[in-house]
Amino acid sequence: MKIKTKKIISKRFKRTKNNKLLHKIKGVNHLISKRTSKRKNRDRKDQVLSKTATSKILKFVK
């Protein structure tokens, strides 16, 4: 029997060509005034998920 994709995981993570997972930084939309512009620019980009978390989540993403 085919395993269904977990929809919430497929919406939050993007899979790259080399089976890495990208995700957005949490907590970016509030308390921004005290952050530096360098930090705000860095937080806009997708971050690579760690290898241990990737191995757990890749089961549910196609």
C-alpha atoms as a PDB file:
ATOM      1  CA  MET A   1       0.000   0.000   0.000  1.00  0.00           C
ATOM      2  CA  LYS A   2       1.215   3.484  -0.882  1.00  0.00           C
ATOM      3  CA  ILE A   3       2.154   5.868   1.951  1.00  0.00           C
ATOM      4  CA  LYS A   4       0.371   9.213   1.719  1.00  0.00           C
ATOM      5  CA  THR A   5       2.320  12.466   1.710  1.00  0.00           C
ATOM      6  CA  LYS A   6       1.854  14.523   4.873  1.00  0.00           C
ATOM      7  CA  LYS A   7       0.469  17.731   3.375  1.00  0.00           C
ATOM      8  CA  ILE A   8       1.651  20.056   6.134  1.00  0.00           C
ATOM      9  CA  ILE A   9       5.227  18.852   5.685  1.00  0.00           C
ATOM     10  CA  SER A  10       5.066  19.223   1.911  1.00  0.00           C
ATOM     11  CA  LYS A  11       3.939  22.841   2.348  1.00  0.00           C
ATOM     12  CA  ARG A  12       6.629  23.811   4.872  1.00  0.00           C
ATOM     13  CA  PHE A  13       9.657  22.147   3.320  1.00  0.00           C
ATOM     14  CA  LYS A  14      11.145  22.249  -0.169  1.00  0.00           C
ATOM     15  CA  ARG A  15      13.254  19.341  -1.388  1.00  0.00           C
ATOM     16  CA  THR A  16      16.425  20.060  -3.349  1.00  0.00           C
ATOM     17  CA  LYS A  17      18.099  17.986  -6.031  1.00  0.00           C
ATOM     18  CA  ASN A  18      20.510  16.414  -3.516  1.00  0.00           C
ATOM     19  CA  ASN A  19      17.734  15.434  -1.047  1.00  0.00           C
ATOM     20  CA  LYS A  20      18.291  18.361   1.281  1.00  0.00           C
ATOM     21  CA  LEU A  21      15.303  20.128   2.798  1.00  0.00           C
ATOM     22  CA  LEU A  22      14.885  23.900   2.828  1.00  0.00           C
ATOM     23  CA  HIS A  23      12.623  25.739   5.274  1.00  0.00           C
ATOM     24  CA  LYS A  24      11.764  29.295   6.263  1.00  0.00           C
ATOM     25  CA  ILE A  25      13.039  30.829   9.491  1.00  0.00           C
ATOM     26  CA  LYS A  26      10.341  31.076  12.169  1.00  0.00           C
ATOM     27  CA  GLY A  27       9.483  34.260  14.034  1.00  0.00           C
ATOM     28  CA  VAL A  28      10.496  36.693  11.294  1.00  0.00           C
ATOM     29  CA  ASN A  29       7.329  38.799  11.274  1.00  0.00           C
ATOM     30  CA  HIS A  30       7.442  40.340  14.751  1.00  0.00           C
ATOM     31  CA  LEU A  31       9.938  42.256  16.918  1.00  0.00           C
ATOM     32  CA  ILE A  32      11.833  43.315  13.811  1.00  0.00           C
ATOM     33  CA  SER A  33      12.814  46.830  14.899  1.00  0.00           C
ATOM     34  CA  LYS A  34      15.667  45.671  17.139  1.00  0.00           C
ATOM     35  CA  ARG A  35      17.229  43.393  14.509  1.00  0.00           C
ATOM     36  CA  THR A  36      20.040  44.510  12.250  1.00  0.00           C
ATOM     37  CA  SER A  37      19.477  44.745   8.509  1.00  0.00           C
ATOM     38  CA  LYS A  38      22.088  42.015   8.005  1.00  0.00           C
ATOM     39  CA  ARG A  39      20.097  39.634  10.195  1.00  0.00           C
ATOM     40  CA  LYS A  40      16.790  40.522   8.495  1.00  0.00           C
ATOM     41  CA  ASN A  41      18.305  39.840   5.071  1.00  0.00           C
ATOM     42  CA  ARG A  42      19.669  36.494   6.258  1.00  0.00           C
ATOM     43  CA  ASP A  43      16.303  35.473   7.699  1.00  0.00           C
ATOM     44  CA  ARG A  44      14.492  36.073   4.396  1.00  0.00           C
ATOM     45  CA  LYS A  45      16.363  33.230   2.719  1.00  0.00           C
ATOM     46  CA  ASP A  46      15.530  29.548   3.105  1.00  0.00           C
ATOM     47  CA  GLN A  47      17.714  27.592   5.507  1.00  0.00           C
ATOM     48  CA  VAL A  48      18.948  24.009   5.061  1.00  0.00           C
ATOM     49  CA  LEU A  49      17.549  21.568   7.597  1.00  0.00           C
ATOM     50  CA  SER A  50      19.976  19.471   9.654  1.00  0.00           C
ATOM     51  CA  LYS A  51      20.798  15.917   8.535  1.00  0.00           C
ATOM     52  CA  THR A  52      19.118  14.243  11.504  1.00  0.00           C
ATOM     53  CA  ALA A  53      15.860  16.122  11.015  1.00  0.00           C
ATOM     54  CA  THR A  54      16.037  15.593   7.243  1.00  0.00           C
ATOM     55  CA  SER A  55      16.229  11.816   7.579  1.00  0.00           C
ATOM     56  CA  LYS A  56      13.109  11.816   9.766  1.00  0.00           C
ATOM     57  CA  ILE A  57      11.088  14.122   7.525  1.00  0.00           C
ATOM     58  CA  LEU A  58      12.113  12.704   4.133  1.00  0.00           C
ATOM     59  CA  LYS A  59       9.887   9.679   4.766  1.00  0.00           C
ATOM     60  CA  PHE A  60       6.827  11.892   4.439  1.00  0.00           C
ATOM     61  CA  VAL A  61       7.907  14.112   1.528  1.00  0.00           C
ATOM     62  CA  LYS A  62       7.849  12.971  -2.073  1.00  0.00           C
END
